[in-house]
Amino acid sequence: MEVYVSYNRYIQNNINQQLASKDYPLCYFKNGQAAELNFVLQKENNIIGIEVVKGEKVKSRSLNIFSITNNPSYSICLSLENFT
């Protein structure tokens, strides 16, 4: 469990730094259903959701809720499965 938590924080921090270096506003999504998405980008009329999940879990309830409510251009879900 500790490895997953460290991975999650490391990846989130890395994405945060990369987005900030490209002058993207750092935004996230949260709604009343306890769904929270790590990053939301907007470029012109395109919305992109990015979620970093623990372990090898590749399904994200938060990303699904975000996609239904906001109809993004596309969404990205990062997990350990992306890197193994």
Protein backbone atom coordinates (compact mmCIF):
# COMPACT_ATOMS: atom_id res chain seq x y z
CA MET A 1 0.00 0.00 0.00
CA GLU A 2 2.80 2.46 0.86
CA VAL A 3 4.32 2.02 -2.62
CA TYR A 4 1.01 2.95 -4.27
CA VAL A 5 0.59 6.05 -2.11
CA SER A 6 4.16 7.19 -2.89
CA TYR A 7 3.64 6.50 -6.60
CA ASN A 8 0.37 8.41 -6.63
CA ARG A 9 1.86 11.48 -4.95
CA TYR A 10 4.99 11.37 -7.12
CA ILE A 11 3.02 11.21 -10.38
CA GLN A 12 0.56 13.91 -9.28
CA ASN A 13 3.42 16.19 -8.29
CA ASN A 14 5.23 15.55 -11.57
CA ILE A 15 2.11 16.31 -13.63
CA ASN A 16 1.51 19.42 -11.53
CA GLN A 17 5.04 20.69 -12.24
CA GLN A 18 4.82 19.93 -15.96
CA LEU A 19 1.49 21.72 -16.35
CA ALA A 20 2.69 24.72 -14.35
CA SER A 21 5.84 24.95 -16.51
CA LYS A 22 3.61 25.16 -19.60
CA ASP A 23 1.48 27.91 -17.99
CA TYR A 24 -1.66 25.78 -17.75
CA PRO A 25 -3.99 26.92 -14.97
CA LEU A 26 -3.99 24.22 -12.28
CA CYS A 27 -7.61 23.12 -11.94
CA TYR A 28 -9.37 20.08 -10.54
CA PHE A 29 -12.92 18.72 -10.48
CA LYS A 30 -14.99 17.93 -7.41
CA ASN A 31 -18.71 17.41 -7.07
CA GLY A 32 -21.22 16.60 -4.34
CA GLN A 33 -20.98 12.85 -5.01
CA ALA A 34 -17.47 12.72 -3.50
CA ALA A 35 -15.94 12.49 -6.97
CA GLU A 36 -12.65 14.28 -7.37
CA LEU A 37 -10.47 14.48 -10.46
CA ASN A 38 -6.80 15.42 -10.07
CA PHE A 39 -6.44 17.71 -13.08
CA VAL A 40 -8.70 19.44 -15.57
CA LEU A 41 -7.22 21.28 -18.54
CA GLN A 42 -8.92 23.61 -20.94
CA LYS A 43 -7.38 24.66 -24.22
CA GLU A 44 -9.69 26.72 -26.39
CA ASN A 45 -12.96 24.73 -26.45
CA ASN A 46 -11.36 21.42 -25.46
CA ILE A 47 -11.60 20.04 -21.93
CA ILE A 48 -9.30 17.23 -20.79
CA GLY A 49 -9.61 15.29 -17.53
CA ILE A 50 -6.58 13.58 -15.93
CA GLU A 51 -6.88 11.14 -13.02
CA VAL A 52 -4.04 9.40 -11.18
CA VAL A 53 -5.25 6.25 -9.43
CA LYS A 54 -3.55 4.05 -6.86
CA GLY A 55 -2.10 0.69 -7.80
CA GLU A 56 -3.06 -1.10 -10.97
CA LYS A 57 -6.72 -0.08 -10.76
CA VAL A 58 -7.59 1.35 -14.16
CA LYS A 59 -11.22 2.30 -13.60
CA SER A 60 -11.95 5.63 -12.01
CA ARG A 61 -15.42 6.49 -10.73
CA SER A 62 -14.42 10.16 -10.55
CA LEU A 63 -13.24 10.18 -14.16
CA ASN A 64 -16.49 8.52 -15.25
CA ILE A 65 -18.61 11.10 -13.39
CA PHE A 66 -16.50 13.93 -14.82
CA SER A 67 -16.92 12.54 -18.35
CA ILE A 68 -20.69 12.24 -18.00
CA THR A 69 -21.18 15.72 -16.55
CA ASN A 70 -18.64 17.66 -18.65
CA ASN A 71 -18.31 15.79 -21.96
CA PRO A 72 -14.51 16.30 -22.26
CA SER A 73 -12.63 16.02 -25.54
CA TYR A 74 -10.83 13.09 -23.94
CA SER A 75 -9.78 11.77 -20.55
CA ILE A 76 -6.59 10.21 -19.21
CA CYS A 77 -6.34 7.70 -16.37
CA LEU A 78 -2.82 6.93 -15.06
CA SER A 79 -2.08 3.93 -12.86
CA LEU A 80 0.78 1.54 -12.17
CA GLU A 81 -0.53 -0.51 -15.10
CA ASN A 82 0.68 2.29 -17.42
CA PHE A 83 4.24 1.83 -16.14
CA THR A 84 4.68 -1.93 -15.66
